[in-house]
Amino acid sequence: MHLPLRQPRAHGGVRIATMVVAAVALTVVAPGVAQAAPPSNDAFAGATPLGTVPVTAEAELAEATTEPGEPDPSCSPYPGSPSVWFAFTAPRTESITLWATSEGFGTTVAVHSGDSLGALTEVYCRDYDRGVLAVTAGQTYRIQLTTPQPAAIAIRLELAVAPDLQTQIGRSLYDPSTLDTVDFFQYPSDTMGAQITGVEWDFGDGTTSNDAEARHRYTADGDYVVRVTITASDGRSATATQTVFVRTHDVRVAGFTTPSAGRVGQTKPIEVTVGNQRISEDVTVVLYRGGPDGFAEVARATQYVPSRPTRTVAFPFNYTFRPADLAAGRVTFRTEVSLADGARDARLVDNEATAPATTVRPGADGRS
């Protein structure tokens, strides 16, 4: 290198020659040592294509650079970090997971749509764990890996099919009637931990709801297929169905006839009439007598009760008065009706009745 010299100047009687050195950036490469080149996918235009998921790829960012105009991932705490690029063209519409693992520090995965650096739109960004991205068939996605401390450490990029989002239906009543309001619940399950952002209920009778926990009352007996569809923040969805059998069982005590008086040893008739306007079925009637220790069962009968608007079915009983009834001077009868086969009556308020007390006297021969 030739360096310009200034003319000598006097200093204390002595002429001194001074040299001005121009600021020159020098790169010294040891003889026989090749300078390391950036990765082949260092630039956006050289993005490494990826195949169909599941697929893995490895990259080392030791010599990676930051390309002019290159975007900084929105989730990266280290803007301006070197990066490498991959390209993934989705063969089908689905949800995939992306994950970058290494022994290094601070690797960020960002995904962009667009075909040039100046026209990219970020659609995904994670800087520490696996995430889910919904992709569209035929669209190419640009995957950007960045790290703040490039080193000769392999970074493994994994793309896989996202696990399914799942949900189940729960409800407050499993034998509802048209007189009941049913609470419906959806129980999501997701290994990715995504937030549920949408819930759609279809109750099978033409009504719907978007409440996470919905309430519904059916107006007619029938079999209804309830459907719930949930949507996660990452675009995945799940659907569950359940058939609800609505049956309105409702029988009642329509009449209760007891004697006004009786004598010890005397047998008198007692009659319970049962009404039913809903479902024809077997009905059980239990007769109780009251005493000092409460009510005790004395008779029961079961028979078929058709569903009829105005007619009732009679359940006849006979009761023989006891000395214990005379001791109290009177006896009180109570009756209850219930459905056979464990069916649930929708309205219990009219399923029992208590008759006025019956006076009890000594027997005709004076016996007590």
Protein backbone atom coordinates (compact mmCIF):
# COMPACT_ATOMS: atom_id res chain seq x y z
CA MET A 1 0.00 0.00 0.00
CA HIS A 2 1.31 3.46 -0.93
CA LEU A 3 0.72 6.09 1.71
CA PRO A 4 0.74 9.81 0.90
CA LEU A 5 3.41 11.93 2.57
CA ARG A 6 3.05 15.50 3.66
CA GLN A 7 5.86 17.95 3.17
CA PRO A 8 8.29 18.12 6.13
CA ARG A 9 7.57 20.88 8.59
CA ALA A 10 9.90 22.55 11.04
CA HIS A 11 9.63 21.82 14.70
CA GLY A 12 12.20 23.18 16.98
CA GLY A 13 14.51 23.64 14.05
CA VAL A 14 14.05 20.06 12.97
CA ARG A 15 12.06 19.05 9.89
CA ILE A 16 9.80 16.06 10.62
CA ALA A 17 8.02 13.99 8.03
CA THR A 18 4.43 12.95 9.03
CA MET A 19 2.27 10.22 7.49
CA VAL A 20 -1.54 10.25 7.19
CA VAL A 21 -3.10 6.77 7.11
CA ALA A 22 -6.52 6.48 5.44
CA ALA A 23 -9.24 4.56 7.38
CA VAL A 24 -9.39 1.29 5.54
CA ALA A 25 -11.46 -1.76 6.61
CA LEU A 26 -9.21 -4.77 6.25
CA THR A 27 -10.19 -8.43 6.35
CA VAL A 28 -7.28 -10.65 7.15
CA VAL A 29 -7.65 -14.27 6.18
CA ALA A 30 -4.97 -16.65 7.25
CA PRO A 31 -3.26 -18.35 4.34
CA GLY A 32 -4.95 -21.67 3.49
CA VAL A 33 -8.06 -20.98 5.62
CA ALA A 34 -11.36 -20.55 3.70
CA GLN A 35 -13.78 -17.91 4.96
CA ALA A 36 -17.08 -19.56 6.19
CA ALA A 37 -20.05 -18.83 3.96
CA PRO A 38 -23.60 -18.05 5.17
CA PRO A 39 -26.13 -20.94 5.07
CA SER A 40 -27.70 -21.59 1.69
CA ASN A 41 -31.07 -20.47 3.05
CA ASP A 42 -29.72 -17.34 4.71
CA ALA A 43 -31.59 -15.13 2.27
CA PHE A 44 -35.37 -15.08 1.75
CA ALA A 45 -34.95 -15.97 -1.92
CA GLY A 46 -32.97 -19.11 -1.00
CA ALA A 47 -35.57 -20.54 1.39
CA THR A 48 -35.28 -24.32 1.80
CA PRO A 49 -38.46 -26.06 0.61
CA LEU A 50 -40.16 -28.44 3.06
CA GLY A 51 -42.24 -31.49 2.14
CA THR A 52 -45.55 -32.81 3.43
CA VAL A 53 -46.02 -32.94 7.19
CA PRO A 54 -44.76 -34.54 9.28
CA VAL A 55 -41.40 -33.14 8.22
CA THR A 56 -38.21 -32.08 9.98
CA ALA A 57 -35.28 -29.88 8.94
CA GLU A 58 -32.05 -28.74 10.57
CA ALA A 59 -30.18 -25.46 10.33
CA GLU A 60 -27.07 -23.84 11.80
CA LEU A 61 -27.10 -20.07 12.15
CA ALA A 62 -23.41 -19.59 13.07
CA GLU A 63 -22.77 -17.65 9.85
CA ALA A 64 -26.33 -16.44 9.25
CA THR A 65 -26.94 -12.76 8.56
CA THR A 66 -29.76 -10.27 8.66
CA GLU A 67 -30.99 -9.45 5.19
CA PRO A 68 -31.88 -5.83 4.37
CA GLY A 69 -35.64 -5.38 4.59
CA GLU A 70 -36.08 -8.58 6.58
CA PRO A 71 -38.92 -8.35 9.16
CA ASP A 72 -38.35 -8.86 12.87
CA PRO A 73 -40.64 -11.57 14.33
CA SER A 74 -43.26 -9.88 16.50
CA CYS A 75 -42.71 -12.26 19.42
CA SER A 76 -38.92 -12.09 19.43
CA PRO A 77 -37.34 -10.19 22.33
CA TYR A 78 -34.18 -9.79 20.23
CA PRO A 79 -34.89 -7.70 17.12
CA GLY A 80 -32.29 -7.72 14.39
CA SER A 81 -31.19 -11.31 15.06
CA PRO A 82 -29.72 -13.35 12.17
CA SER A 83 -32.11 -15.73 10.45
CA VAL A 84 -32.57 -18.51 7.94
CA TRP A 85 -35.65 -19.25 5.80
CA PHE A 86 -37.79 -22.25 4.85
CA ALA A 87 -40.77 -22.50 2.51
CA PHE A 88 -43.77 -24.77 3.10
CA THR A 89 -46.56 -25.19 0.56
CA ALA A 90 -49.60 -26.74 2.22
CA PRO A 91 -50.89 -29.76 0.27
CA ARG A 92 -54.25 -29.61 2.10
CA THR A 93 -56.20 -27.41 4.44
CA GLU A 94 -55.46 -28.45 8.00
CA SER A 95 -53.90 -27.38 11.28
CA ILE A 96 -50.21 -28.06 11.86
CA THR A 97 -47.78 -27.58 14.71
CA LEU A 98 -44.37 -25.91 14.43
CA TRP A 99 -41.56 -26.30 16.91
CA ALA A 100 -37.88 -25.36 16.91
CA THR A 101 -35.60 -27.17 19.35
CA SER A 102 -31.90 -26.76 20.04
CA GLU A 103 -29.35 -26.53 22.80
CA GLY A 104 -28.98 -22.86 22.01
CA PHE A 105 -30.80 -19.84 23.35
CA GLY A 106 -33.73 -17.73 22.20
CA THR A 107 -34.75 -19.39 18.93
CA THR A 108 -37.88 -17.83 17.42
CA VAL A 109 -40.13 -19.32 14.73
CA ALA A 110 -42.16 -16.89 12.66
CA VAL A 111 -44.38 -17.75 9.68
CA HIS A 112 -45.33 -15.28 6.97
CA SER A 113 -47.58 -15.27 3.95
CA GLY A 114 -46.44 -13.39 0.87
CA ASP A 115 -43.91 -13.85 -1.96
CA SER A 116 -41.38 -11.09 -1.27
CA LEU A 117 -39.72 -9.42 1.70
CA GLY A 118 -41.67 -6.23 1.12
CA ALA A 119 -45.03 -8.01 0.99
CA LEU A 120 -44.93 -10.37 3.98
CA THR A 121 -47.72 -10.73 6.53
CA GLU A 122 -46.88 -12.53 9.76
CA VAL A 123 -49.41 -15.27 10.57
CA TYR A 124 -47.61 -17.09 13.38
CA CYS A 125 -44.89 -16.41 15.94
CA ARG A 126 -43.52 -18.47 18.85
CA ASP A 127 -40.30 -17.99 20.76
CA TYR A 128 -40.34 -20.86 23.23
CA ASP A 129 -42.86 -23.67 22.65
CA ARG A 130 -44.95 -25.56 20.15
CA GLY A 131 -47.88 -23.77 18.53
CA VAL A 132 -50.66 -24.41 16.03
CA LEU A 133 -51.12 -22.82 12.61
CA ALA A 134 -54.12 -23.30 10.33
CA VAL A 135 -52.87 -23.62 6.73
CA THR A 136 -54.77 -23.48 3.45
CA ALA A 137 -54.22 -25.95 0.63
CA GLY A 138 -51.96 -24.57 -2.12
CA GLN A 139 -50.68 -21.58 -0.14
CA THR A 140 -46.94 -21.17 0.46
CA TYR A 141 -45.79 -20.10 3.91
CA ARG A 142 -42.36 -18.58 4.62
CA ILE A 143 -40.84 -19.86 7.85
CA GLN A 144 -38.23 -17.64 9.50
CA LEU A 145 -35.86 -18.99 12.19
CA THR A 146 -33.95 -16.39 14.20
CA THR A 147 -31.56 -16.58 17.16
CA PRO A 148 -29.74 -13.79 19.03
CA GLN A 149 -26.55 -15.82 19.59
CA PRO A 150 -25.63 -17.71 16.42
CA ALA A 151 -23.36 -20.67 17.04
CA ALA A 152 -22.46 -23.93 15.41
CA ILE A 153 -25.42 -25.59 17.12
CA ALA A 154 -28.04 -27.41 15.08
CA ILE A 155 -31.61 -26.12 15.33
CA ARG A 156 -34.25 -28.72 14.57
CA LEU A 157 -37.48 -27.49 12.97
CA GLU A 158 -40.46 -29.86 13.21
CA LEU A 159 -43.78 -29.59 11.38
CA ALA A 160 -46.53 -32.06 12.28
CA VAL A 161 -50.28 -32.50 12.03
CA ALA A 162 -51.87 -30.76 15.01
CA PRO A 163 -53.63 -32.96 17.57
CA ASP A 164 -57.40 -32.89 17.39
CA LEU A 165 -59.37 -30.52 19.57
CA GLN A 166 -62.02 -32.50 21.44
CA THR A 167 -65.16 -31.78 23.43
CA GLN A 168 -67.93 -33.61 25.25
CA ILE A 169 -71.48 -32.69 26.23
CA GLY A 170 -72.80 -32.75 29.77
CA ARG A 171 -76.24 -31.80 31.03
CA SER A 172 -78.02 -31.28 34.32
CA LEU A 173 -80.86 -33.75 33.64
CA TYR A 174 -80.63 -37.07 31.82
CA ASP A 175 -84.40 -37.70 31.83
CA PRO A 176 -85.84 -34.26 31.06
CA SER A 177 -89.48 -33.43 30.52
CA THR A 178 -91.24 -30.51 28.89
CA LEU A 179 -91.58 -29.04 32.38
CA ASP A 180 -87.81 -28.93 32.97
CA THR A 181 -85.15 -26.42 31.97
CA VAL A 182 -81.94 -28.30 31.13
CA ASP A 183 -78.45 -26.87 31.61
CA PHE A 184 -75.99 -27.97 28.89
CA PHE A 185 -72.22 -27.90 29.33
CA GLN A 186 -69.30 -28.48 26.94
CA TYR A 187 -66.07 -29.99 28.23
CA PRO A 188 -63.16 -29.21 25.85
CA SER A 189 -59.95 -31.23 25.84
CA ASP A 190 -56.80 -30.01 24.12
CA THR A 191 -53.17 -31.03 24.60
CA MET A 192 -52.11 -27.71 23.04
CA GLY A 193 -53.95 -25.66 25.66
CA ALA A 194 -55.55 -23.30 23.15
CA GLN A 195 -58.21 -20.83 24.27
CA ILE A 196 -61.79 -21.63 23.25
CA THR A 197 -63.10 -18.60 21.39
CA GLY A 198 -66.42 -19.82 20.00
CA VAL A 199 -69.26 -22.15 21.05
CA GLU A 200 -72.30 -23.04 18.94
CA TRP A 201 -75.19 -25.13 20.28
CA ASP A 202 -77.92 -26.77 18.20
CA PHE A 203 -80.60 -28.32 20.40
CA GLY A 204 -82.19 -30.38 17.64
CA ASP A 205 -85.55 -28.61 17.75
CA GLY A 206 -84.68 -25.61 15.62
CA THR A 207 -83.22 -23.50 18.42
CA THR A 208 -79.54 -22.55 18.91
CA SER A 209 -77.28 -20.75 21.36
CA ASN A 210 -73.76 -19.33 21.49
CA ASP A 211 -73.40 -19.45 25.26
CA ALA A 212 -70.56 -21.51 26.67
CA GLU A 213 -73.06 -23.00 29.15
CA ALA A 214 -76.52 -23.00 27.63
CA ARG A 215 -80.02 -23.50 29.06
CA HIS A 216 -82.93 -24.94 27.12
CA ARG A 217 -86.48 -26.18 27.63
CA TYR A 218 -88.16 -28.47 25.12
CA THR A 219 -91.80 -27.89 24.30
CA ALA A 220 -92.70 -31.42 23.17
CA ASP A 221 -91.69 -34.97 23.98
CA GLY A 222 -89.33 -36.55 21.46
CA ASP A 223 -85.78 -37.61 20.67
CA TYR A 224 -83.49 -34.66 19.98
CA VAL A 225 -79.89 -34.74 18.71
CA VAL A 226 -77.97 -31.99 20.50
CA ARG A 227 -74.82 -30.77 18.78
CA VAL A 228 -72.08 -28.47 20.08
CA THR A 229 -69.22 -27.09 17.98
CA ILE A 230 -66.32 -25.31 19.64
CA THR A 231 -63.58 -23.25 17.97
CA ALA A 232 -60.11 -22.59 19.37
CA SER A 233 -58.04 -19.44 18.98
CA ASP A 234 -55.72 -21.27 16.55
CA GLY A 235 -58.58 -22.15 14.18
CA ARG A 236 -59.16 -25.77 15.13
CA SER A 237 -62.70 -26.92 15.86
CA ALA A 238 -64.42 -29.91 17.44
CA THR A 239 -67.98 -31.21 17.44
CA ALA A 240 -69.83 -33.49 19.83
CA THR A 241 -73.39 -34.83 19.65
CA GLN A 242 -75.73 -36.42 22.14
CA THR A 243 -79.31 -37.65 21.86
CA VAL A 244 -81.69 -36.28 24.47
CA PHE A 245 -84.84 -38.29 25.14
CA VAL A 246 -87.56 -35.96 26.37
CA ARG A 247 -90.40 -37.79 28.14
CA THR A 248 -92.96 -36.03 30.30
CA HIS A 249 -94.29 -38.44 32.94
CA ASP A 250 -96.98 -36.82 35.05
CA VAL A 251 -99.57 -38.76 37.05
CA ARG A 252 -101.58 -37.35 39.93
CA VAL A 253 -103.86 -38.24 42.79
CA ALA A 254 -107.21 -37.26 41.30
CA GLY A 255 -109.31 -38.44 44.26
CA PHE A 256 -108.91 -39.96 47.73
CA THR A 257 -112.01 -41.34 49.47
CA THR A 258 -111.79 -42.54 53.08
CA PRO A 259 -114.54 -43.31 55.67
CA SER A 260 -115.45 -40.60 58.12
CA ALA A 261 -115.77 -43.09 60.99
CA GLY A 262 -115.19 -46.72 61.80
CA ARG A 263 -115.29 -49.26 64.62
CA VAL A 264 -112.54 -51.58 65.80
CA GLY A 265 -112.67 -54.79 63.78
CA GLN A 266 -114.79 -53.20 61.06
CA THR A 267 -113.54 -53.28 57.43
CA LYS A 268 -114.32 -50.35 55.21
CA PRO A 269 -113.37 -49.43 51.62
CA ILE A 270 -110.80 -46.77 50.71
CA GLU A 271 -110.36 -45.64 47.12
CA VAL A 272 -107.61 -43.70 45.36
CA THR A 273 -108.22 -42.48 41.83
CA VAL A 274 -105.27 -41.65 39.57
CA GLY A 275 -105.26 -39.29 36.60
CA ASN A 276 -102.77 -39.37 33.72
CA GLN A 277 -102.66 -36.98 30.75
CA ARG A 278 -99.13 -37.70 29.50
CA ILE A 279 -97.77 -41.21 28.92
CA SER A 280 -99.73 -44.43 29.40
CA GLU A 281 -97.81 -46.54 31.91
CA ASP A 282 -97.90 -48.62 35.10
CA VAL A 283 -98.56 -46.70 38.29
CA THR A 284 -98.08 -47.79 41.89
CA VAL A 285 -100.31 -46.48 44.69
CA VAL A 286 -99.24 -46.87 48.34
CA LEU A 287 -101.68 -46.43 51.25
CA TYR A 288 -100.40 -45.33 54.67
CA ARG A 289 -102.05 -45.04 58.08
CA GLY A 290 -100.90 -42.47 60.63
CA GLY A 291 -100.01 -43.33 64.21
CA PRO A 292 -97.96 -42.10 67.16
CA ASP A 293 -94.76 -43.06 65.36
CA GLY A 294 -95.71 -41.48 62.02
CA PHE A 295 -97.09 -43.06 58.89
CA ALA A 296 -96.73 -46.77 58.10
CA GLU A 297 -97.58 -48.56 54.87
CA VAL A 298 -100.66 -50.75 55.02
CA ALA A 299 -101.29 -51.58 51.34
CA ARG A 300 -100.05 -51.00 47.82
CA ALA A 301 -101.24 -51.81 44.31
CA THR A 302 -99.84 -51.43 40.78
CA GLN A 303 -101.83 -51.28 37.58
CA TYR A 304 -101.77 -49.82 34.11
CA VAL A 305 -103.09 -46.25 33.82
CA PRO A 306 -103.84 -45.08 30.26
CA SER A 307 -103.26 -41.49 29.27
CA ARG A 308 -106.68 -39.91 28.98
CA PRO A 309 -107.69 -36.24 29.23
CA THR A 310 -110.67 -36.61 31.59
CA ARG A 311 -110.93 -40.20 32.82
CA THR A 312 -109.20 -41.65 35.88
CA VAL A 313 -108.38 -45.15 37.13
CA ALA A 314 -109.56 -46.35 40.55
CA PHE A 315 -107.32 -48.18 43.01
CA PRO A 316 -109.63 -49.83 45.60
CA PHE A 317 -108.38 -50.82 49.07
CA ASN A 318 -109.98 -52.22 52.25
CA TYR A 319 -108.96 -51.27 55.74
CA THR A 320 -109.85 -53.01 59.00
CA PHE A 321 -109.71 -50.73 62.02
CA ARG A 322 -107.40 -51.73 64.85
CA PRO A 323 -107.33 -51.33 68.60
CA ALA A 324 -104.36 -49.01 68.16
CA ASP A 325 -106.60 -46.70 66.13
CA LEU A 326 -109.10 -46.59 69.00
CA ALA A 327 -106.38 -45.66 71.46
CA ALA A 328 -105.81 -42.47 69.53
CA GLY A 329 -109.51 -41.96 68.89
CA ARG A 330 -108.92 -41.45 65.21
CA VAL A 331 -106.70 -42.48 62.30
CA THR A 332 -105.34 -40.47 59.37
CA PHE A 333 -104.75 -41.99 55.93
CA ARG A 334 -102.24 -40.79 53.38
CA THR A 335 -101.54 -41.98 49.82
CA GLU A 336 -98.70 -41.60 47.33
CA VAL A 337 -98.52 -42.46 43.63
CA SER A 338 -95.30 -43.24 41.76
CA LEU A 339 -94.23 -44.56 38.39
CA ALA A 340 -93.05 -48.08 37.82
CA ASP A 341 -89.65 -48.91 36.25
CA GLY A 342 -87.92 -45.96 37.92
CA ALA A 343 -89.41 -43.25 35.69
CA ARG A 344 -89.32 -39.73 37.11
CA ASP A 345 -92.56 -37.85 37.55
CA ALA A 346 -92.18 -34.33 36.21
CA ARG A 347 -94.55 -32.78 38.74
CA LEU A 348 -94.39 -34.27 42.23
CA VAL A 349 -96.60 -31.71 43.94
CA ASP A 350 -99.79 -33.64 43.08
CA ASN A 351 -98.44 -37.13 43.73
CA GLU A 352 -99.66 -37.42 47.30
CA ALA A 353 -102.72 -36.61 49.38
CA THR A 354 -103.76 -36.80 53.02
CA ALA A 355 -107.40 -37.42 53.94
CA PRO A 356 -109.30 -35.87 56.85
CA ALA A 357 -108.96 -37.91 60.04
CA THR A 358 -111.34 -40.86 60.51
CA THR A 359 -113.01 -41.20 63.91
CA VAL A 360 -112.57 -44.62 65.52
CA ARG A 361 -115.04 -46.06 68.07
CA PRO A 362 -115.15 -49.34 70.03
CA GLY A 363 -116.49 -52.37 68.21
CA ALA A 364 -120.25 -53.06 68.03
CA ASP A 365 -119.85 -55.70 70.79
CA GLY A 366 -117.94 -53.27 72.94
CA ARG A 367 -114.58 -54.70 72.03
CA SER A 368 -111.62 -52.40 71.88
